[in-house]
Amino acid sequence: MQCSKCQNTAVYTRKYSGESLCSECFSNSILRKAAKTISKYKMIKNGDLVCVGVSGGKDSLVLLDTLKKMSQSHNFKIIAVTIDEGIPGYRDEALDIVKEFCTKLDVEFKIYSYKDLFDLTLSESLDLRESEKTSSCSICGILRRRSLDHAAKEIGANVIATGHNLDDTLQTFLINTLSGDTSKIGWMDPENQGKELRKIKPLSEIYESEIVFYAFTNNLPFQSEPCPHMNEGIRTEIREFLNSLEDHRSGIKNNMYHSILKISNIIKTFDEKEKRNCQICGNSCSGTICSVCSMISNLKND
């Protein structure tokens, strides 16, 4: 089977578009998709310093690889940041992978740990929680976002880039819908203009399966071992459900993604909350105490 773009042998079939692509044309299509998303939402501007969140998984390493290539022909700089949650036997492998890959790409690399920032590792937090109704993912997500904010501030970055893909957006939408947390759906719109610290997702319009293939065909050394806590929540079941739908109805994920953006815009318009400063740490929040300080206080006082 020939590549739809050139005469080389095709190695990947994109069912929703009907294209068959060779390795080089496929990789170029991913770079173009990411560049188009960045341009459409003005995610990165001239002179920006981008803090790239790199966990060592496929998404973050593909993000780092693509941004490094773009930075060589555009006027912005990147620094890779890895957050060490403190998961025994898991994070160490990822740190080694990220260090080696950053050295290969000649990208500056920094590590920030939950223990240093919050005086709690994720494992310690899970031991302190009142019940398993508070999932490891919810605790980790809150601490990770604050850690990246801290890292960006310390290195002087005005943009935080994460490797969230299209599938992540669909899964998060359904999780928020099923949990009744509809206000969070208003945060899913990629629009970031006017904010002092822009948070961007350049891979947000790319299927997870395509990111996996990009990593394989470009020999990116990502960590294949999943997080030991990944099955605590409902995300894995939702991922399998959406993949099954896509298998039988190619393109349904793309359709759902664009619907989510429309819904997010509507909710954001009608759910604007007054921003305040947390009484404990001073960070911006919608209440008197931010989610990070509230959670840490609850954990340590239980």
Protein backbone atom coordinates (compact mmCIF):
# COMPACT_ATOMS: atom_id res chain seq x y z
CA MET A 1 0.00 0.00 0.00
CA GLN A 2 1.43 3.38 -1.03
CA CYS A 3 1.49 6.54 1.03
CA SER A 4 -1.28 8.98 0.08
CA LYS A 5 1.24 11.85 0.07
CA CYS A 6 4.29 10.31 -1.62
CA GLN A 7 5.46 7.08 -3.27
CA ASN A 8 6.84 5.41 -0.15
CA THR A 9 5.29 2.40 1.56
CA ALA A 10 2.46 3.32 3.94
CA VAL A 11 2.79 2.24 7.58
CA TYR A 12 -0.27 3.92 9.10
CA THR A 13 -3.91 4.20 8.03
CA ARG A 14 -5.91 7.12 9.40
CA LYS A 15 -9.41 5.66 9.25
CA TYR A 16 -11.37 8.86 9.89
CA SER A 17 -9.71 10.63 6.93
CA GLY A 18 -9.05 7.61 4.71
CA GLU A 19 -5.34 8.47 4.41
CA SER A 20 -2.54 5.92 4.30
CA LEU A 21 0.80 7.44 5.32
CA CYS A 22 4.46 6.49 5.42
CA SER A 23 6.42 7.15 8.59
CA GLU A 24 7.81 10.51 7.45
CA CYS A 25 4.51 11.87 6.14
CA PHE A 26 2.69 10.67 9.26
CA SER A 27 5.22 12.40 11.54
CA ASN A 28 4.97 15.61 9.50
CA SER A 29 1.17 15.50 9.75
CA ILE A 30 1.40 15.37 13.57
CA LEU A 31 3.79 18.33 13.60
CA ARG A 32 1.42 20.28 11.33
CA LYS A 33 -1.59 19.43 13.50
CA ALA A 34 0.19 20.62 16.65
CA ALA A 35 1.43 23.78 14.88
CA LYS A 36 -2.08 24.51 13.59
CA THR A 37 -3.55 24.18 17.10
CA ILE A 38 -0.85 26.49 18.52
CA SER A 39 -1.51 29.05 15.79
CA LYS A 40 -5.32 28.85 15.99
CA TYR A 41 -5.40 29.65 19.72
CA LYS A 42 -2.25 31.84 19.76
CA MET A 43 -0.79 29.48 22.35
CA ILE A 44 2.83 30.56 21.88
CA LYS A 45 4.05 34.03 20.92
CA ASN A 46 7.38 35.59 20.00
CA GLY A 47 9.80 35.67 22.92
CA ASP A 48 7.82 33.29 25.14
CA LEU A 49 9.52 30.97 27.60
CA VAL A 50 7.53 27.73 27.71
CA CYS A 51 7.58 25.45 30.75
CA VAL A 52 6.97 21.98 29.25
CA GLY A 53 5.52 19.46 31.69
CA VAL A 54 7.31 16.17 30.96
CA SER A 55 6.31 13.06 32.89
CA GLY A 56 8.22 10.53 30.80
CA GLY A 57 5.10 9.09 29.18
CA LYS A 58 4.36 9.07 25.46
CA ASP A 59 2.27 12.27 25.37
CA SER A 60 4.73 14.51 27.18
CA LEU A 61 7.75 13.24 25.27
CA VAL A 62 5.98 13.71 21.93
CA LEU A 63 5.06 17.23 23.09
CA LEU A 64 8.68 17.97 24.03
CA ASP A 65 9.92 16.57 20.71
CA THR A 66 7.49 18.65 18.65
CA LEU A 67 8.04 21.89 20.60
CA LYS A 68 11.81 21.48 20.35
CA LYS A 69 11.52 21.16 16.56
CA MET A 70 9.24 24.21 16.36
CA SER A 71 11.48 26.32 18.64
CA GLN A 72 14.35 25.88 16.21
CA SER A 73 12.50 27.86 13.55
CA HIS A 74 10.44 30.17 15.79
CA ASN A 75 11.31 32.75 18.44
CA PHE A 76 10.50 30.98 21.71
CA LYS A 77 12.42 28.92 24.27
CA ILE A 78 11.50 25.78 26.21
CA ILE A 79 12.50 24.31 29.57
CA ALA A 80 11.38 20.79 30.52
CA VAL A 81 9.96 20.29 34.01
CA THR A 82 9.22 16.94 35.63
CA ILE A 83 7.09 16.65 38.75
CA ASP A 84 8.18 13.91 41.15
CA GLU A 85 5.03 12.79 42.97
CA GLY A 86 6.88 10.33 45.17
CA ILE A 87 5.55 7.02 43.85
CA PRO A 88 8.04 4.30 44.87
CA GLY A 89 9.33 2.14 42.01
CA TYR A 90 7.57 4.16 39.31
CA ARG A 91 8.82 7.73 39.00
CA ASP A 92 12.55 6.83 39.11
CA GLU A 93 12.42 5.11 35.70
CA ALA A 94 10.61 8.09 34.18
CA LEU A 95 13.15 10.56 35.57
CA ASP A 96 16.00 8.63 33.93
CA ILE A 97 14.14 8.57 30.59
CA VAL A 98 13.42 12.31 30.69
CA LYS A 99 16.99 13.22 31.69
CA GLU A 100 18.43 11.16 28.83
CA PHE A 101 15.95 12.51 26.27
CA CYS A 102 16.48 16.13 27.32
CA THR A 103 20.25 15.66 27.03
CA LYS A 104 19.74 14.26 23.52
CA LEU A 105 17.56 17.24 22.51
CA ASP A 106 19.79 19.75 24.32
CA VAL A 107 16.86 20.99 26.44
CA GLU A 108 17.26 22.37 29.97
CA PHE A 109 15.61 20.06 32.53
CA LYS A 110 14.38 20.66 36.09
CA ILE A 111 12.71 18.46 38.72
CA TYR A 112 10.22 19.59 41.38
CA SER A 113 8.86 17.21 44.02
CA TYR A 114 5.64 17.11 46.02
CA LYS A 115 7.75 16.45 49.13
CA ASP A 116 9.71 19.68 48.75
CA LEU A 117 6.70 21.79 47.79
CA PHE A 118 4.00 20.39 50.09
CA ASP A 119 5.93 18.29 52.62
CA LEU A 120 3.89 15.29 51.42
CA THR A 121 4.54 12.66 48.76
CA LEU A 122 1.57 11.21 46.88
CA SER A 123 2.03 7.91 48.75
CA GLU A 124 1.95 9.73 52.09
CA SER A 125 -1.16 11.62 50.98
CA LEU A 126 -2.95 8.37 50.13
CA ASP A 127 -2.13 6.98 53.57
CA LEU A 128 -3.60 10.10 55.18
CA ARG A 129 -6.83 10.36 53.19
CA GLU A 130 -10.03 9.63 55.07
CA SER A 131 -11.38 7.16 52.50
CA GLU A 132 -10.73 5.92 48.97
CA LYS A 133 -13.66 8.04 47.78
CA THR A 134 -10.97 10.71 47.41
CA SER A 135 -9.11 9.11 44.51
CA SER A 136 -5.36 9.25 44.02
CA CYS A 137 -5.94 10.95 40.65
CA SER A 138 -7.89 13.83 42.22
CA ILE A 139 -5.19 14.41 44.87
CA CYS A 140 -2.38 14.08 42.34
CA GLY A 141 -4.08 16.34 39.79
CA ILE A 142 -4.51 19.21 42.27
CA LEU A 143 -0.90 18.97 43.49
CA ARG A 144 0.51 18.56 39.99
CA ARG A 145 -1.19 21.69 38.65
CA ARG A 146 0.09 23.77 41.56
CA SER A 147 3.60 22.27 41.17
CA LEU A 148 3.71 23.29 37.50
CA ASP A 149 2.49 26.78 38.42
CA HIS A 150 5.30 27.04 40.98
CA ALA A 151 7.89 25.73 38.50
CA ALA A 152 6.80 28.19 35.80
CA LYS A 153 6.99 31.11 38.22
CA GLU A 154 10.44 30.09 39.46
CA ILE A 155 11.97 29.72 36.00
CA GLY A 156 10.27 32.86 34.70
CA ALA A 157 8.05 31.10 32.14
CA ASN A 158 4.85 32.75 30.91
CA VAL A 159 3.45 29.58 29.30
CA ILE A 160 2.88 26.06 30.66
CA ALA A 161 2.53 23.33 28.02
CA THR A 162 1.15 19.88 28.85
CA GLY A 163 0.75 16.80 26.69
CA HIS A 164 -3.01 16.35 27.00
CA ASN A 165 -4.44 14.80 23.83
CA LEU A 166 -7.91 14.71 22.27
CA ASP A 167 -8.84 11.50 24.09
CA ASP A 168 -7.94 13.12 27.45
CA THR A 169 -10.40 15.93 26.71
CA LEU A 170 -13.24 13.52 25.92
CA GLN A 171 -12.55 11.43 29.01
CA THR A 172 -12.38 14.45 31.31
CA PHE A 173 -15.65 15.81 29.89
CA LEU A 174 -17.44 12.55 30.64
CA ILE A 175 -15.88 12.28 34.11
CA ASN A 176 -17.03 15.80 34.98
CA THR A 177 -20.48 15.10 33.56
CA LEU A 178 -20.91 11.81 35.42
CA SER A 179 -19.68 13.32 38.70
CA GLY A 180 -21.99 16.33 38.36
CA ASP A 181 -19.06 18.74 38.35
CA THR A 182 -20.36 20.68 35.36
CA SER A 183 -18.61 23.97 36.22
CA LYS A 184 -15.25 22.39 35.29
CA ILE A 185 -16.51 21.85 31.73
CA GLY A 186 -16.23 25.62 31.29
CA TRP A 187 -12.46 25.34 31.77
CA MET A 188 -11.99 23.01 28.79
CA ASP A 189 -11.95 25.74 26.13
CA PRO A 190 -8.32 26.19 24.88
CA GLU A 191 -8.72 29.99 24.73
CA ASN A 192 -6.09 31.56 27.02
CA GLN A 193 -5.65 35.11 25.80
CA GLY A 194 -5.19 37.89 28.34
CA LYS A 195 -3.93 35.61 31.10
CA GLU A 196 -0.59 36.32 32.75
CA LEU A 197 0.29 32.61 32.70
CA ARG A 198 -1.10 30.78 29.66
CA LYS A 199 -1.74 27.05 30.01
CA ILE A 200 -1.69 25.31 26.66
CA LYS A 201 -2.31 21.86 25.21
CA PRO A 202 -0.75 21.74 21.73
CA LEU A 203 -1.69 18.06 21.24
CA SER A 204 -5.34 18.55 22.23
CA GLU A 205 -6.68 17.92 18.70
CA ILE A 206 -4.67 14.72 18.12
CA TYR A 207 -5.88 11.19 18.88
CA GLU A 208 -4.01 9.28 21.59
CA SER A 209 -3.46 6.38 19.16
CA GLU A 210 -1.67 8.73 16.76
CA ILE A 211 0.58 10.04 19.51
CA VAL A 212 1.50 6.46 20.40
CA PHE A 213 2.41 5.73 16.78
CA TYR A 214 4.43 8.96 16.49
CA ALA A 215 6.43 7.90 19.55
CA PHE A 216 7.08 4.43 18.12
CA THR A 217 7.94 5.51 14.57
CA ASN A 218 10.33 8.19 15.88
CA ASN A 219 11.89 5.86 18.48
CA LEU A 220 11.02 8.04 21.46
CA PRO A 221 12.03 6.24 24.69
CA PHE A 222 8.83 6.74 26.69
CA GLN A 223 7.90 4.94 29.91
CA SER A 224 5.49 2.12 29.09
CA GLU A 225 4.70 1.10 32.67
CA PRO A 226 1.39 2.67 33.71
CA CYS A 227 0.92 4.54 36.97
CA PRO A 228 0.10 1.98 39.71
CA HIS A 229 -2.94 4.06 40.71
CA MET A 230 -4.44 4.49 37.22
CA ASN A 231 -7.33 2.06 37.73
CA GLU A 232 -8.68 3.67 40.90
CA GLY A 233 -10.92 6.02 38.93
CA ILE A 234 -13.33 5.58 36.05
CA ARG A 235 -11.04 6.99 33.33
CA THR A 236 -9.81 3.59 32.07
CA GLU A 237 -13.37 2.35 31.54
CA ILE A 238 -14.30 5.53 29.70
CA ARG A 239 -11.18 5.23 27.50
CA GLU A 240 -12.15 1.69 26.51
CA PHE A 241 -15.75 2.75 25.80
CA LEU A 242 -14.68 5.64 23.54
CA ASN A 243 -12.13 3.47 21.72
CA SER A 244 -14.86 0.90 21.04
CA LEU A 245 -17.11 3.62 19.58
CA GLU A 246 -14.29 4.92 17.38
CA ASP A 247 -13.51 1.40 16.12
CA HIS A 248 -17.06 1.05 14.82
CA ARG A 249 -17.68 4.68 13.84
CA SER A 250 -14.48 6.35 12.64
CA GLY A 251 -14.32 10.07 13.39
CA ILE A 252 -16.78 10.04 16.29
CA LYS A 253 -14.08 11.29 18.67
CA ASN A 254 -13.41 14.30 16.46
CA ASN A 255 -17.14 15.10 16.38
CA MET A 256 -17.42 14.82 20.16
CA TYR A 257 -14.35 17.02 20.70
CA HIS A 258 -15.82 19.89 18.68
CA SER A 259 -19.14 19.52 20.54
CA ILE A 260 -17.31 19.75 23.87
CA LEU A 261 -15.64 23.03 22.85
CA LYS A 262 -19.05 24.52 22.02
CA ILE A 263 -20.52 23.37 25.34
CA SER A 264 -17.45 24.63 27.23
CA ASN A 265 -17.80 28.10 25.70
CA ILE A 266 -21.46 28.30 26.72
CA ILE A 267 -20.80 27.19 30.31
CA LYS A 268 -17.81 29.51 30.66
CA THR A 269 -19.95 32.47 29.59
CA PHE A 270 -22.64 31.79 32.20
CA ASP A 271 -20.40 30.54 35.02
CA GLU A 272 -17.88 33.32 35.48
CA LYS A 273 -16.75 33.35 39.12
CA GLU A 274 -15.07 36.22 40.89
CA LYS A 275 -11.41 35.44 41.45
CA ARG A 276 -9.91 35.98 44.91
CA ASN A 277 -6.61 35.24 46.61
CA CYS A 278 -6.29 32.24 48.93
CA GLN A 279 -6.06 33.37 52.57
CA ILE A 280 -3.28 30.82 53.21
CA CYS A 281 -0.96 30.78 50.18
CA GLY A 282 -2.09 33.87 48.27
CA ASN A 283 -2.72 32.02 44.98
CA SER A 284 -5.76 32.89 42.86
CA CYS A 285 -8.93 30.89 43.59
CA SER A 286 -12.72 31.20 43.49
CA GLY A 287 -13.25 30.83 47.24
CA THR A 288 -11.51 31.98 50.42
CA ILE A 289 -9.11 29.00 50.49
CA CYS A 290 -7.72 27.30 47.35
CA SER A 291 -8.17 23.60 46.60
CA VAL A 292 -4.51 22.83 47.35
CA CYS A 293 -4.44 24.37 50.83
CA SER A 294 -7.87 22.93 51.64
CA MET A 295 -6.83 19.43 50.62
CA ILE A 296 -3.48 19.48 52.43
CA SER A 297 -5.13 20.84 55.57
CA ASN A 298 -7.74 18.06 55.46
CA LEU A 299 -5.11 15.37 54.92
CA LYS A 300 -2.87 16.50 57.75
CA ASN A 301 -5.74 17.02 60.19
CA ASP A 302 -7.53 13.69 59.53
